Amino acid sequence: MTDKDHGPLFILAGNGSYFNRGCEGILRGTVEILRHYFDAPKFVAVTSYKSDEQFRRQRDQESDPAVVHEKMHKSYKTFDPLWFAINGLRIVCPHVLRHIVYKDLKPYLPEARAVLALGGDNYSLDYTKGPLWLTKGPVVCTELDELAVSHHKPLIIWGSSVGPFSKSPSFERYMIEHLRKVHIFARETATVEYLAGRGLTDNVHRVADPAFVMSPQEPPERIEIPEGSIGLNLSPLMARFATGGDLERWKDLSAQIINRLTETTDRPLYLIPHVVGGLGNDDHRFLEAVLTRPIDKRDRIALIGPTFNAPQTKWIVSRMAVFAGARMHSTIAALSSCVPTLSFSYSMKSKGVNQDVYGHTDYCLMTDQLTPDVVVQRIAALLQDHSAVRAQLQRQIPVVKQLALKSGELLKTLVPPTTA
């Protein structure tokens, strides 16, 4: 199935950088989906970066010639003049915000066939701190939506979780009214049910996260992974939810989890980062620090380096007997490879994915359950039921991948034909 028109342009906006392998997985999967339905599509990725250096590295190291990178303009440092300007505009004149943050996107709008809002959980309050009306997530995203709609371009919230916004009834009313203007391709049933409960049904479609269809890629350097190995992803972000923001206590708890795993299973343990690049949210640096704690059986533990991209990381994850992860897209890399997987969750999105894949949330631990004993018990259960769980995944994951591909089929019904 191909589009008759050659080389349609799609804007992929609002995603994070490839330093977050989950964000890269979303983009790579999206590109694969659109190539399935359109002939030689082109892409402009307008992305959020932590620094200008991150932007330059991603632009210069892009391996797909069909992907051009631009950036969202924002302040990298709190309390500099741009920070004050952007946060002031969010309150007094939010519609001007779109012309600042997304100014590099605007030249591509005339040619674009659609704008896809990537990012997975931008339209949620999972990471919100402080007043909701100052949150950099949903408010900035709504300005992206309005910019696309004002140029008569379809805006699709693409393979994402949306909400819940119920912690603030007034903010929820604002967001629900806004969401009526766009198309929502929801990646889990929980989002569909939440929006239906708020009266949104006609513009909401159930799909799956695009990262499910990202192809793995064997790394150029040979990596020997013994059969029966366990993969583990732990992130510094989880400290916010598991230990009230106490990072040192979370490092200690992480070391205890690693110790209990190696003592109990006596299997090779691979620590696998999924967000790298420094600047306070780096899994590799976090895991390095965890390994400075008292840990036994170090000869059974290997820390995977930070240089592997998302497809290569997925290949490594796919070699594990079981996997446990804090980053949701690390667990998607495992689940989509039919690896029995335990998720560490702080939000609706991981619970929703687990419910849709497994039919239950027995293999999804909330942050108040993250004790060494509980983690080891659930991983032991996955090891014991390994064959049955893998067989279940082998039946269910093709269904999930078809749901992800459905995004492209739906998009074709929304994209107007070219007049050329």
Protein backbone atom coordinates (compact mmCIF):
# COMPACT_ATOMS: atom_id res chain seq x y z
CA MET A 1 0.00 0.00 0.00
CA THR A 2 1.63 3.21 -1.15
CA ASP A 3 0.67 6.80 -1.63
CA LYS A 4 0.42 7.79 -5.31
CA ASP A 5 2.09 11.11 -4.56
CA HIS A 6 5.86 11.04 -4.36
CA GLY A 7 7.65 12.23 -1.27
CA PRO A 8 4.96 13.61 1.07
CA LEU A 9 6.38 15.70 3.93
CA PHE A 10 5.40 15.04 7.53
CA ILE A 11 6.35 17.18 10.51
CA LEU A 12 7.20 15.13 13.63
CA ALA A 13 7.10 17.60 16.52
CA GLY A 14 7.39 17.72 20.28
CA ASN A 15 9.57 14.65 20.78
CA GLY A 16 12.70 14.45 22.89
CA SER A 17 16.19 13.87 21.54
CA TYR A 18 17.78 10.56 20.62
CA PHE A 19 19.72 10.70 23.88
CA ASN A 20 16.46 9.30 25.19
CA ARG A 21 16.33 5.97 23.36
CA GLY A 22 12.58 5.88 23.91
CA CYS A 23 12.15 9.12 22.00
CA GLU A 24 14.33 7.74 19.25
CA GLY A 25 12.25 4.56 19.28
CA ILE A 26 9.05 6.58 18.81
CA LEU A 27 10.53 8.41 15.82
CA ARG A 28 12.12 5.34 14.21
CA GLY A 29 8.90 3.37 14.61
CA THR A 30 6.88 6.25 13.17
CA VAL A 31 9.14 6.42 10.14
CA GLU A 32 8.70 2.67 9.56
CA ILE A 33 4.91 2.99 9.85
CA LEU A 34 4.68 5.87 7.38
CA ARG A 35 6.97 4.14 4.89
CA HIS A 36 4.52 1.25 4.97
CA TYR A 37 1.69 3.47 3.70
CA PHE A 38 3.32 6.34 1.78
CA ASP A 39 5.82 6.39 -1.05
CA ALA A 40 9.20 7.90 -0.11
CA PRO A 41 7.95 10.11 2.73
CA LYS A 42 10.14 12.91 4.06
CA PHE A 43 10.31 14.02 7.67
CA VAL A 44 11.12 17.16 9.62
CA ALA A 45 11.71 16.35 13.28
CA VAL A 46 11.21 19.40 15.50
CA THR A 47 12.57 18.25 18.81
CA SER A 48 13.22 19.41 22.36
CA TYR A 49 16.90 19.44 23.38
CA LYS A 50 18.77 20.05 26.62
CA SER A 51 21.43 22.12 24.88
CA ASP A 52 22.50 23.47 21.51
CA GLU A 53 25.28 20.89 21.52
CA GLN A 54 22.74 18.07 21.77
CA PHE A 55 20.90 19.51 18.77
CA ARG A 56 24.06 19.76 16.66
CA ARG A 57 25.10 16.20 17.51
CA GLN A 58 21.70 14.74 16.64
CA ARG A 59 21.49 16.71 13.38
CA ASP A 60 25.00 15.79 12.29
CA GLN A 61 24.79 12.12 13.28
CA GLU A 62 21.37 11.32 11.80
CA SER A 63 21.61 8.04 9.88
CA ASP A 64 18.35 8.38 7.90
CA PRO A 65 18.68 10.82 4.97
CA ALA A 66 14.90 11.31 4.88
CA VAL A 67 14.93 12.90 8.36
CA VAL A 68 15.82 16.59 8.77
CA HIS A 69 16.21 17.99 12.27
CA GLU A 70 15.09 21.35 13.63
CA LYS A 71 14.64 22.36 17.23
CA MET A 72 12.08 23.75 19.60
CA HIS A 73 13.27 27.06 21.02
CA LYS A 74 13.22 27.29 24.78
CA SER A 75 15.35 28.27 27.71
CA TYR A 76 17.98 25.75 28.76
CA LYS A 77 18.52 27.51 32.10
CA THR A 78 15.93 28.51 34.66
CA PHE A 79 15.60 32.25 35.33
CA ASP A 80 17.40 33.53 32.25
CA PRO A 81 15.54 36.17 30.18
CA LEU A 82 14.07 33.61 27.77
CA TRP A 83 12.76 31.57 30.71
CA PHE A 84 10.95 34.63 32.07
CA ALA A 85 9.60 35.51 28.62
CA ILE A 86 8.25 32.03 27.89
CA ASN A 87 6.68 31.54 31.30
CA GLY A 88 5.14 35.00 31.17
CA LEU A 89 3.64 34.31 27.76
CA ARG A 90 2.11 31.07 29.02
CA ILE A 91 -0.03 33.20 31.32
CA VAL A 92 -0.74 36.51 29.60
CA CYS A 93 -0.49 35.74 25.89
CA PRO A 94 -0.07 32.00 25.26
CA HIS A 95 -0.85 32.19 21.52
CA VAL A 96 2.40 34.12 20.94
CA LEU A 97 4.30 31.19 22.44
CA ARG A 98 3.87 29.08 19.32
CA HIS A 99 5.75 31.63 17.20
CA ILE A 100 8.76 31.47 19.54
CA VAL A 101 8.99 27.82 20.51
CA TYR A 102 8.08 26.44 17.07
CA LYS A 103 9.56 29.08 14.81
CA ASP A 104 11.81 26.56 13.00
CA LEU A 105 8.74 24.47 12.17
CA LYS A 106 6.79 27.22 10.43
CA PRO A 107 8.70 27.30 7.10
CA TYR A 108 7.79 23.64 6.52
CA LEU A 109 4.07 24.02 7.16
CA PRO A 110 3.01 24.99 3.61
CA GLU A 111 4.39 21.72 2.18
CA ALA A 112 3.55 19.46 5.13
CA ARG A 113 0.75 16.94 4.69
CA ALA A 114 0.22 16.62 8.45
CA VAL A 115 1.78 17.46 11.79
CA LEU A 116 2.28 14.50 14.12
CA ALA A 117 2.70 15.39 17.80
CA LEU A 118 5.17 12.84 19.08
CA GLY A 119 6.52 12.42 22.58
CA GLY A 120 4.37 9.74 24.16
CA ASP A 121 3.31 11.51 27.32
CA ASN A 122 3.53 15.22 26.58
CA TYR A 123 -0.24 15.53 26.93
CA SER A 124 -0.23 14.41 30.55
CA LEU A 125 0.68 15.72 33.98
CA ASP A 126 3.15 12.94 34.80
CA TYR A 127 6.11 15.32 35.12
CA THR A 128 4.31 18.46 36.27
CA LYS A 129 5.68 20.43 39.16
CA GLY A 130 4.21 23.73 40.34
CA PRO A 131 1.16 25.53 38.96
CA LEU A 132 -0.51 23.61 36.13
CA TRP A 133 -0.80 26.69 33.95
CA LEU A 134 2.98 26.97 33.95
CA THR A 135 3.59 23.37 33.01
CA LYS A 136 5.87 23.14 30.00
CA GLY A 137 4.11 20.00 28.77
CA PRO A 138 0.43 20.27 27.84
CA VAL A 139 0.36 24.08 27.50
CA VAL A 140 3.28 24.21 25.06
CA CYS A 141 1.82 21.23 23.20
CA THR A 142 -1.55 22.94 22.77
CA GLU A 143 0.24 25.81 21.06
CA LEU A 144 1.79 23.34 18.61
CA ASP A 145 -1.72 22.04 17.93
CA GLU A 146 -3.13 25.52 17.39
CA LEU A 147 -0.28 26.42 15.05
CA ALA A 148 -1.01 23.40 12.85
CA VAL A 149 -4.77 23.93 12.92
CA SER A 150 -4.38 27.62 12.02
CA HIS A 151 -2.52 26.50 8.87
CA HIS A 152 -5.28 24.00 8.06
CA LYS A 153 -3.01 21.01 8.64
CA PRO A 154 -4.21 17.83 10.33
CA LEU A 155 -2.76 17.62 13.85
CA ILE A 156 -2.51 14.09 15.20
CA ILE A 157 -1.48 13.31 18.76
CA TRP A 158 0.47 10.30 17.62
CA GLY A 159 0.63 7.00 19.49
CA SER A 160 0.47 8.74 22.84
CA SER A 161 -1.02 8.67 26.30
CA VAL A 162 -3.36 11.57 27.05
CA GLY A 163 -4.28 12.65 30.56
CA PRO A 164 -5.56 12.19 33.08
CA PHE A 165 -5.96 15.85 34.01
CA SER A 166 -8.38 15.22 36.84
CA LYS A 167 -6.10 16.66 39.54
CA SER A 168 -7.36 20.09 38.37
CA PRO A 169 -10.98 20.24 37.17
CA SER A 170 -10.52 23.66 35.53
CA PHE A 171 -7.39 22.56 33.68
CA GLU A 172 -9.13 19.36 32.66
CA ARG A 173 -12.04 21.31 31.17
CA TYR A 174 -9.57 23.47 29.23
CA MET A 175 -7.69 20.46 27.88
CA ILE A 176 -10.80 18.48 26.92
CA GLU A 177 -12.19 21.42 24.96
CA HIS A 178 -8.83 21.87 23.24
CA LEU A 179 -8.56 18.18 22.36
CA ARG A 180 -11.82 18.35 20.42
CA LYS A 181 -9.88 20.26 17.72
CA VAL A 182 -7.34 17.52 16.96
CA HIS A 183 -7.06 13.80 16.22
CA ILE A 184 -5.89 11.47 18.97
CA PHE A 185 -4.21 8.16 18.18
CA ALA A 186 -4.08 6.65 21.67
CA ARG A 187 -1.50 4.01 22.50
CA GLU A 188 -3.45 2.24 25.23
CA THR A 189 -7.02 1.44 26.18
CA ALA A 190 -6.77 3.47 29.40
CA THR A 191 -6.42 6.69 27.40
CA VAL A 192 -9.40 5.80 25.20
CA GLU A 193 -11.54 5.06 28.26
CA TYR A 194 -10.48 8.24 30.06
CA LEU A 195 -11.29 10.44 27.05
CA ALA A 196 -14.57 8.63 26.39
CA GLY A 197 -15.56 9.39 29.97
CA ARG A 198 -15.05 13.08 29.14
CA GLY A 199 -17.10 12.91 25.96
CA LEU A 200 -14.30 12.48 23.42
CA THR A 201 -14.89 9.52 21.10
CA ASP A 202 -15.24 10.54 17.43
CA ASN A 203 -11.69 11.90 17.14
CA VAL A 204 -10.04 9.21 19.31
CA HIS A 205 -8.61 6.02 17.82
CA ARG A 206 -6.97 3.10 19.59
CA VAL A 207 -3.54 2.28 18.18
CA ALA A 208 -0.26 1.27 19.86
CA ASP A 209 3.05 2.93 20.61
CA PRO A 210 5.05 3.28 17.36
CA ALA A 211 8.18 1.99 19.10
CA PHE A 212 6.64 -1.50 19.03
CA VAL A 213 7.47 -1.72 15.31
CA MET A 214 11.00 -0.28 15.46
CA SER A 215 13.35 -2.90 14.02
CA PRO A 216 16.30 -4.02 16.19
CA GLN A 217 19.81 -3.64 14.83
CA GLU A 218 22.80 -5.71 15.85
CA PRO A 219 25.62 -3.45 17.11
CA PRO A 220 28.77 -3.37 14.97
CA GLU A 221 30.90 -4.54 17.91
CA ARG A 222 30.27 -8.13 18.94
CA ILE A 223 28.44 -8.56 22.25
CA GLU A 224 28.28 -12.02 23.81
CA ILE A 225 25.19 -12.41 26.02
CA PRO A 226 24.94 -15.78 27.78
CA GLU A 227 21.66 -17.64 27.56
CA GLY A 228 19.41 -17.03 30.56
CA SER A 229 20.66 -13.50 31.27
CA ILE A 230 18.55 -10.90 33.06
CA GLY A 231 18.29 -7.33 31.78
CA LEU A 232 17.63 -4.45 34.18
CA ASN A 233 17.01 -0.77 33.52
CA LEU A 234 16.99 1.68 36.44
CA SER A 235 16.69 5.45 36.06
CA PRO A 236 17.46 8.46 38.23
CA LEU A 237 14.01 9.84 37.37
CA MET A 238 12.43 7.07 39.45
CA ALA A 239 13.82 8.69 42.62
CA ARG A 240 11.15 11.39 42.30
CA PHE A 241 8.45 8.77 42.73
CA ALA A 242 10.11 5.97 44.72
CA THR A 243 12.01 7.91 47.39
CA GLY A 244 10.39 11.35 47.35
CA GLY A 245 13.23 12.79 45.29
CA ASP A 246 16.03 11.46 47.52
CA LEU A 247 18.47 10.32 44.82
CA GLU A 248 21.04 8.88 47.22
CA ARG A 249 18.41 6.73 48.92
CA TRP A 250 17.24 5.53 45.50
CA LYS A 251 20.83 4.61 44.60
CA ASP A 252 21.07 2.59 47.82
CA LEU A 253 17.75 0.87 47.08
CA SER A 254 18.83 0.14 43.51
CA ALA A 255 22.06 -1.45 44.79
CA GLN A 256 20.00 -3.61 47.15
CA ILE A 257 17.78 -4.73 44.25
CA ILE A 258 20.85 -5.65 42.19
CA ASN A 259 22.38 -7.56 45.12
CA ARG A 260 19.21 -9.54 45.77
CA LEU A 261 18.86 -10.38 42.07
CA THR A 262 22.39 -11.74 41.71
CA GLU A 263 22.21 -13.61 45.02
CA THR A 264 18.82 -15.19 44.30
CA THR A 265 19.08 -16.03 40.61
CA ASP A 266 22.86 -16.48 40.14
CA ARG A 267 22.36 -15.43 36.53
CA PRO A 268 24.31 -12.88 34.48
CA LEU A 269 22.78 -9.42 35.04
CA TYR A 270 23.00 -6.72 32.39
CA LEU A 271 22.35 -3.14 33.45
CA ILE A 272 20.97 -1.38 30.37
CA PRO A 273 20.65 2.43 30.20
CA HIS A 274 17.89 3.90 28.07
CA VAL A 275 18.48 7.64 28.56
CA VAL A 276 22.02 9.03 28.32
CA GLY A 277 23.65 12.37 27.63
CA GLY A 278 24.16 13.74 31.12
CA LEU A 279 22.37 16.84 32.42
CA GLY A 280 20.80 15.16 35.43
CA ASN A 281 18.77 12.39 33.82
CA ASP A 282 21.37 9.91 32.63
CA ASP A 283 20.74 6.21 33.29
CA HIS A 284 24.34 5.24 32.57
CA ARG A 285 25.81 7.72 35.03
CA PHE A 286 23.20 6.72 37.58
CA LEU A 287 24.02 3.03 37.20
CA GLU A 288 27.74 3.78 37.43
CA ALA A 289 27.07 5.51 40.76
CA VAL A 290 24.92 2.60 41.95
CA LEU A 291 27.81 0.23 41.26
CA THR A 292 29.99 2.18 43.69
CA ARG A 293 27.76 0.89 46.50
CA PRO A 294 28.57 -2.42 48.22
CA ILE A 295 27.59 -5.06 45.66
CA ASP A 296 28.49 -8.73 45.65
CA LYS A 297 29.08 -11.03 42.68
CA ARG A 298 30.33 -8.20 40.48
CA ASP A 299 31.65 -10.76 38.02
CA ARG A 300 27.98 -11.55 37.19
CA ILE A 301 27.13 -7.89 36.45
CA ALA A 302 27.77 -5.99 33.21
CA LEU A 303 26.94 -2.33 32.59
CA ILE A 304 26.08 -1.68 28.93
CA GLY A 305 27.77 1.44 27.59
CA PRO A 306 25.98 4.66 26.61
CA THR A 307 26.87 4.62 22.90
CA PHE A 308 24.24 2.21 21.57
CA ASN A 309 21.34 3.81 19.72
CA ALA A 310 17.70 2.76 20.14
CA PRO A 311 17.67 -0.07 17.54
CA GLN A 312 20.96 -1.44 18.91
CA THR A 313 19.71 -1.22 22.49
CA LYS A 314 16.58 -3.09 21.45
CA TRP A 315 18.76 -5.84 19.96
CA ILE A 316 20.64 -6.15 23.27
CA VAL A 317 17.38 -6.23 25.26
CA SER A 318 15.98 -8.88 22.92
CA ARG A 319 18.77 -11.29 23.99
CA MET A 320 17.62 -11.35 27.62
CA ALA A 321 15.68 -14.22 29.19
CA VAL A 322 13.68 -11.71 31.22
CA PHE A 323 13.84 -7.94 31.52
CA ALA A 324 12.80 -5.38 34.15
CA GLY A 325 12.75 -1.68 33.40
CA ALA A 326 11.96 1.75 34.83
CA ARG A 327 11.91 3.54 31.46
CA MET A 328 8.69 2.58 29.74
CA HIS A 329 10.31 2.36 26.31
CA SER A 330 12.96 0.02 27.63
CA THR A 331 10.07 -2.29 28.53
CA ILE A 332 8.49 -1.75 25.10
CA ALA A 333 11.81 -2.81 23.52
CA ALA A 334 11.59 -6.00 25.58
CA LEU A 335 7.89 -6.71 25.16
CA SER A 336 8.02 -6.14 21.41
CA SER A 337 10.87 -8.68 21.28
CA CYS A 338 8.68 -11.19 23.17
CA VAL A 339 10.93 -11.05 26.25
CA PRO A 340 9.00 -11.63 29.51
CA THR A 341 9.05 -8.19 31.11
CA LEU A 342 8.50 -6.55 34.49
CA SER A 343 7.68 -2.82 34.46
CA PHE A 344 8.45 -0.33 37.22
CA SER A 345 5.69 2.26 36.93
CA TYR A 346 4.78 5.68 38.28
CA SER A 347 1.95 6.53 35.88
CA MET A 348 -1.02 5.35 33.86
CA LYS A 349 1.02 4.71 30.74
CA SER A 350 2.98 1.65 31.95
CA LYS A 351 -0.08 0.15 33.60
CA GLY A 352 -2.02 0.69 30.38
CA VAL A 353 0.60 -0.98 28.21
CA ASN A 354 0.83 -3.95 30.60
CA GLN A 355 -2.95 -4.32 30.70
CA ASP A 356 -3.17 -4.30 26.92
CA VAL A 357 -0.26 -6.70 26.38
CA TYR A 358 -0.68 -9.16 29.27
CA GLY A 359 -4.36 -8.66 30.07
CA HIS A 360 -3.38 -7.81 33.67
CA THR A 361 -0.89 -5.72 35.66
CA ASP A 362 0.73 -8.52 37.68
CA TYR A 363 4.05 -7.68 36.02
CA CYS A 364 3.78 -3.95 36.65
CA LEU A 365 5.10 -2.67 39.99
CA MET A 366 4.12 0.77 41.24
CA THR A 367 6.75 2.82 43.04
CA ASP A 368 5.53 1.93 46.52
CA GLN A 369 6.17 -1.74 45.67
CA LEU A 370 9.81 -1.30 44.66
CA THR A 371 11.47 -3.25 47.42
CA PRO A 372 14.25 -5.77 46.74
CA ASP A 373 12.08 -8.67 47.92
CA VAL A 374 9.08 -7.78 45.75
CA VAL A 375 11.21 -7.12 42.65
CA VAL A 376 13.03 -10.43 43.05
CA GLN A 377 9.77 -12.32 43.66
CA ARG A 378 8.22 -10.96 40.44
CA ILE A 379 11.33 -11.65 38.37
CA ALA A 380 11.50 -15.16 39.85
CA ALA A 381 7.87 -15.65 38.81
CA LEU A 382 8.71 -14.55 35.26
CA LEU A 383 11.64 -16.96 35.18
CA GLN A 384 9.50 -19.80 36.46
CA ASP A 385 6.71 -19.10 33.96
CA HIS A 386 9.13 -18.06 31.22
CA SER A 387 7.87 -20.42 28.50
CA ALA A 388 4.19 -19.62 29.07
CA VAL A 389 4.77 -15.86 29.23
CA ARG A 390 6.92 -15.88 26.09
CA ALA A 391 4.27 -17.92 24.27
CA GLN A 392 1.62 -15.41 25.33
CA LEU A 393 3.77 -12.54 24.04
CA GLN A 394 4.37 -14.36 20.77
CA ARG A 395 0.59 -14.48 20.31
CA GLN A 396 -0.15 -10.94 21.47
CA ILE A 397 2.72 -8.82 20.16
CA PRO A 398 1.81 -9.30 16.46
CA VAL A 399 -1.64 -7.94 17.36
CA VAL A 400 -0.05 -4.93 19.09
CA LYS A 401 2.23 -4.29 16.11
CA GLN A 402 -0.77 -4.34 13.79
CA LEU A 403 -2.39 -1.74 16.03
CA ALA A 404 0.72 0.40 15.71
CA LEU A 405 0.62 0.04 11.92
CA LYS A 406 -3.05 1.03 12.02
CA SER A 407 -1.83 4.57 12.73
CA GLY A 408 -0.59 4.85 9.15
CA GLU A 409 -3.84 3.49 7.75
CA LEU A 410 -5.83 6.04 9.77
CA LEU A 411 -3.49 8.83 8.73
CA LYS A 412 -4.16 8.14 5.06
CA THR A 413 -7.85 8.90 5.67
CA LEU A 414 -6.96 12.27 7.20
CA VAL A 415 -4.24 13.48 4.85
CA PRO A 416 -5.61 15.44 1.90
CA PRO A 417 -4.37 14.43 -1.57
CA THR A 418 -1.85 16.71 -3.20
CA THR A 419 -2.90 18.90 -6.09
CA ALA A 420 0.43 18.57 -7.88
